[in-house]
Amino acid sequence: MKQVLRVYVAEDCPGCVEACDTAFRIEQDYPHVSVQVIDVEKTSEAIPEEVFATPTYILNNRIVSLGNPGPTDIARWMQNPQSA
């Protein structure tokens, strides 16, 4: 089963350009992960209550990072997504 990573961003968020770049790298490096970048100001879908800041990374419906993670954090999530 494919893992799902949702990255919540906003246009006026200073760290969100990096978040989009990070999402792209994750998509390239981990093809078993479905990556979705969601602009909180433009989406018609409901934003989860736990998303109160951007960028927010949610892997398999669990927050794994508020703010941009480093490569070590990302590797840890991908090795063991249940403990992320």
N, C-alpha and C. Protein backbone atom coordinates (compact mmCIF):
# COMPACT_ATOMS: atom_id res chain seq x y z
N MET A 1 0.83 -1.18 0.00
CA MET A 1 0.00 0.00 0.00
C MET A 1 0.88 1.25 0.00
N LYS A 2 0.54 2.20 -0.84
CA LYS A 2 1.33 3.41 -0.98
C LYS A 2 1.11 4.33 0.23
N GLN A 3 2.20 4.87 0.74
CA GLN A 3 2.10 5.86 1.81
C GLN A 3 1.65 7.19 1.20
N VAL A 4 1.00 8.01 2.01
CA VAL A 4 0.53 9.31 1.53
C VAL A 4 1.13 10.40 2.40
N LEU A 5 1.84 11.32 1.77
CA LEU A 5 2.39 12.49 2.44
C LEU A 5 1.67 13.71 1.91
N ARG A 6 1.04 14.45 2.81
CA ARG A 6 0.39 15.71 2.44
C ARG A 6 1.21 16.85 3.05
N VAL A 7 1.57 17.81 2.20
CA VAL A 7 2.34 18.96 2.64
C VAL A 7 1.44 20.18 2.48
N TYR A 8 1.08 20.79 3.60
CA TYR A 8 0.20 21.95 3.58
C TYR A 8 1.05 23.22 3.54
N VAL A 9 0.76 24.06 2.55
CA VAL A 9 1.53 25.29 2.32
C VAL A 9 0.56 26.46 2.16
N ALA A 10 1.14 27.67 2.15
CA ALA A 10 0.37 28.89 1.88
C ALA A 10 1.25 29.83 1.06
N GLU A 11 0.61 30.63 0.25
CA GLU A 11 1.34 31.52 -0.66
C GLU A 11 2.24 32.51 0.07
N ASP A 12 1.78 33.03 1.20
CA ASP A 12 2.54 34.06 1.92
C ASP A 12 3.49 33.48 2.98
N CYS A 13 3.69 32.19 2.95
CA CYS A 13 4.53 31.49 3.92
C CYS A 13 5.99 31.50 3.45
N PRO A 14 6.91 32.08 4.24
CA PRO A 14 8.30 32.15 3.82
C PRO A 14 8.98 30.78 3.66
N GLY A 15 8.59 29.79 4.43
CA GLY A 15 9.22 28.47 4.34
C GLY A 15 8.57 27.54 3.34
N CYS A 16 7.50 27.99 2.69
CA CYS A 16 6.74 27.09 1.83
C CYS A 16 7.36 26.85 0.46
N VAL A 17 8.21 27.75 -0.01
CA VAL A 17 8.93 27.48 -1.26
C VAL A 17 9.86 26.29 -1.03
N GLU A 18 10.55 26.30 0.11
CA GLU A 18 11.41 25.16 0.47
C GLU A 18 10.57 23.90 0.65
N ALA A 19 9.38 24.03 1.23
CA ALA A 19 8.50 22.87 1.43
C ALA A 19 8.13 22.24 0.09
N CYS A 20 7.84 23.05 -0.90
CA CYS A 20 7.51 22.52 -2.23
C CYS A 20 8.71 21.80 -2.83
N ASP A 21 9.90 22.36 -2.66
CA ASP A 21 11.12 21.71 -3.14
C ASP A 21 11.35 20.38 -2.41
N THR A 22 11.12 20.38 -1.10
CA THR A 22 11.28 19.17 -0.30
C THR A 22 10.29 18.11 -0.74
N ALA A 23 9.05 18.50 -0.99
CA ALA A 23 8.02 17.56 -1.45
C ALA A 23 8.43 16.93 -2.78
N PHE A 24 8.98 17.73 -3.67
CA PHE A 24 9.43 17.22 -4.97
C PHE A 24 10.55 16.20 -4.78
N ARG A 25 11.52 16.52 -3.90
CA ARG A 25 12.64 15.60 -3.65
C ARG A 25 12.14 14.28 -3.04
N ILE A 26 11.19 14.37 -2.12
CA ILE A 26 10.64 13.15 -1.51
C ILE A 26 9.97 12.30 -2.58
N GLU A 27 9.22 12.95 -3.45
CA GLU A 27 8.54 12.24 -4.54
C GLU A 27 9.54 11.52 -5.44
N GLN A 28 10.69 12.16 -5.70
CA GLN A 28 11.72 11.57 -6.55
C GLN A 28 12.47 10.45 -5.84
N ASP A 29 12.79 10.67 -4.56
CA ASP A 29 13.62 9.72 -3.82
C ASP A 29 12.85 8.53 -3.26
N TYR A 30 11.55 8.70 -3.06
CA TYR A 30 10.72 7.66 -2.44
C TYR A 30 9.48 7.42 -3.31
N PRO A 31 9.63 6.67 -4.40
CA PRO A 31 8.51 6.48 -5.33
C PRO A 31 7.32 5.73 -4.74
N HIS A 32 7.51 5.09 -3.59
CA HIS A 32 6.40 4.39 -2.94
C HIS A 32 5.51 5.34 -2.13
N VAL A 33 5.85 6.63 -2.15
CA VAL A 33 5.08 7.63 -1.41
C VAL A 33 4.32 8.51 -2.39
N SER A 34 3.03 8.65 -2.14
CA SER A 34 2.21 9.59 -2.91
C SER A 34 2.30 10.94 -2.21
N VAL A 35 2.84 11.94 -2.88
CA VAL A 35 3.04 13.26 -2.28
C VAL A 35 2.02 14.23 -2.84
N GLN A 36 1.34 14.92 -1.93
CA GLN A 36 0.36 15.93 -2.32
C GLN A 36 0.74 17.25 -1.65
N VAL A 37 0.88 18.30 -2.43
CA VAL A 37 1.11 19.63 -1.89
C VAL A 37 -0.22 20.36 -1.94
N ILE A 38 -0.68 20.84 -0.79
CA ILE A 38 -2.00 21.45 -0.69
C ILE A 38 -1.85 22.88 -0.21
N ASP A 39 -2.28 23.83 -1.03
CA ASP A 39 -2.28 25.24 -0.66
C ASP A 39 -3.54 25.49 0.16
N VAL A 40 -3.37 25.84 1.42
CA VAL A 40 -4.52 25.99 2.33
C VAL A 40 -5.45 27.13 1.91
N GLU A 41 -4.94 28.06 1.13
CA GLU A 41 -5.76 29.20 0.71
C GLU A 41 -6.51 28.94 -0.59
N LYS A 42 -6.13 27.89 -1.31
CA LYS A 42 -6.73 27.65 -2.63
C LYS A 42 -7.50 26.35 -2.73
N THR A 43 -7.38 25.46 -1.77
CA THR A 43 -8.03 24.17 -1.86
C THR A 43 -9.51 24.26 -1.50
N SER A 44 -10.29 23.39 -2.09
CA SER A 44 -11.71 23.32 -1.74
C SER A 44 -11.96 22.21 -0.71
N GLU A 45 -10.93 21.41 -0.43
CA GLU A 45 -11.10 20.35 0.56
C GLU A 45 -10.94 20.90 1.97
N ALA A 46 -11.52 20.21 2.93
CA ALA A 46 -11.41 20.63 4.32
C ALA A 46 -9.97 20.45 4.80
N ILE A 47 -9.50 21.45 5.52
CA ILE A 47 -8.15 21.39 6.09
C ILE A 47 -8.27 20.75 7.48
N PRO A 48 -7.45 19.75 7.78
CA PRO A 48 -7.52 19.13 9.11
C PRO A 48 -7.30 20.16 10.22
N GLU A 49 -7.99 19.98 11.33
CA GLU A 49 -7.87 20.92 12.46
C GLU A 49 -6.44 21.06 12.95
N GLU A 50 -5.67 19.98 12.86
CA GLU A 50 -4.30 20.04 13.37
C GLU A 50 -3.35 20.86 12.51
N VAL A 51 -3.80 21.28 11.34
CA VAL A 51 -2.98 22.14 10.48
C VAL A 51 -3.27 23.59 10.87
N PHE A 52 -2.41 24.14 11.72
CA PHE A 52 -2.60 25.51 12.18
C PHE A 52 -1.46 26.43 11.74
N ALA A 53 -0.49 25.86 11.05
CA ALA A 53 0.65 26.64 10.55
C ALA A 53 1.15 25.97 9.28
N THR A 54 1.89 26.73 8.50
CA THR A 54 2.47 26.17 7.28
C THR A 54 3.97 26.42 7.29
N PRO A 55 4.73 25.49 6.74
CA PRO A 55 4.32 24.21 6.19
C PRO A 55 4.07 23.18 7.29
N THR A 56 3.12 22.29 7.02
CA THR A 56 2.84 21.14 7.88
C THR A 56 2.90 19.89 7.02
N TYR A 57 3.61 18.89 7.51
CA TYR A 57 3.76 17.62 6.80
C TYR A 57 2.96 16.55 7.55
N ILE A 58 2.07 15.88 6.83
CA ILE A 58 1.26 14.81 7.42
C ILE A 58 1.50 13.54 6.61
N LEU A 59 2.03 12.52 7.27
CA LEU A 59 2.30 11.23 6.63
C LEU A 59 1.30 10.22 7.17
N ASN A 60 0.51 9.64 6.26
CA ASN A 60 -0.48 8.63 6.65
C ASN A 60 -1.37 9.13 7.80
N ASN A 61 -1.84 10.37 7.66
CA ASN A 61 -2.77 11.00 8.61
C ASN A 61 -2.17 11.32 9.97
N ARG A 62 -0.83 11.38 10.06
CA ARG A 62 -0.17 11.78 11.31
C ARG A 62 0.79 12.92 11.01
N ILE A 63 0.74 13.96 11.83
CA ILE A 63 1.69 15.06 11.67
C ILE A 63 3.09 14.54 11.96
N VAL A 64 3.99 14.76 11.01
CA VAL A 64 5.38 14.35 11.20
C VAL A 64 6.30 15.56 11.32
N SER A 65 5.82 16.73 10.86
CA SER A 65 6.67 17.92 10.97
C SER A 65 5.84 19.20 10.84
N LEU A 66 6.09 20.11 11.76
CA LEU A 66 5.62 21.49 11.64
C LEU A 66 6.86 22.28 11.26
N GLY A 67 6.89 22.78 10.07
CA GLY A 67 8.11 23.37 9.53
C GLY A 67 8.82 22.36 8.66
N ASN A 68 9.90 22.79 8.04
CA ASN A 68 10.60 21.93 7.09
C ASN A 68 11.55 20.97 7.79
N PRO A 69 11.43 19.68 7.46
CA PRO A 69 12.29 18.67 8.07
C PRO A 69 13.63 18.60 7.36
N GLY A 70 14.59 18.03 8.04
CA GLY A 70 15.89 17.77 7.43
C GLY A 70 15.91 16.39 6.78
N PRO A 71 16.93 16.11 5.99
CA PRO A 71 17.03 14.82 5.30
C PRO A 71 17.03 13.62 6.25
N THR A 72 17.63 13.76 7.43
CA THR A 72 17.66 12.66 8.40
C THR A 72 16.26 12.34 8.89
N ASP A 73 15.47 13.38 9.16
CA ASP A 73 14.08 13.17 9.60
C ASP A 73 13.28 12.45 8.52
N ILE A 74 13.42 12.90 7.29
CA ILE A 74 12.68 12.29 6.18
C ILE A 74 13.06 10.82 6.04
N ALA A 75 14.33 10.51 6.10
CA ALA A 75 14.78 9.12 5.98
C ALA A 75 14.19 8.27 7.10
N ARG A 76 14.13 8.81 8.31
CA ARG A 76 13.56 8.08 9.45
C ARG A 76 12.08 7.80 9.21
N TRP A 77 11.33 8.80 8.70
CA TRP A 77 9.90 8.57 8.41
C TRP A 77 9.72 7.43 7.43
N MET A 78 10.54 7.45 6.39
CA MET A 78 10.36 6.48 5.32
C MET A 78 10.76 5.07 5.74
N GLN A 79 11.71 4.96 6.67
CA GLN A 79 12.12 3.65 7.16
C GLN A 79 11.08 3.06 8.10
N ASN A 80 10.44 3.93 8.89
CA ASN A 80 9.47 3.45 9.87
C ASN A 80 8.33 4.44 10.00
N PRO A 81 7.39 4.44 9.05
CA PRO A 81 6.33 5.45 9.04
C PRO A 81 5.41 5.39 10.26
N GLN A 82 5.30 4.25 10.94
CA GLN A 82 4.44 4.16 12.11
C GLN A 82 5.00 4.94 13.29
N SER A 83 6.31 5.09 13.36
CA SER A 83 6.91 5.81 14.49
C SER A 83 7.18 7.27 14.16
N ALA A 84 6.84 7.69 12.96
CA ALA A 84 7.10 9.07 12.55
C ALA A 84 6.26 10.03 13.35
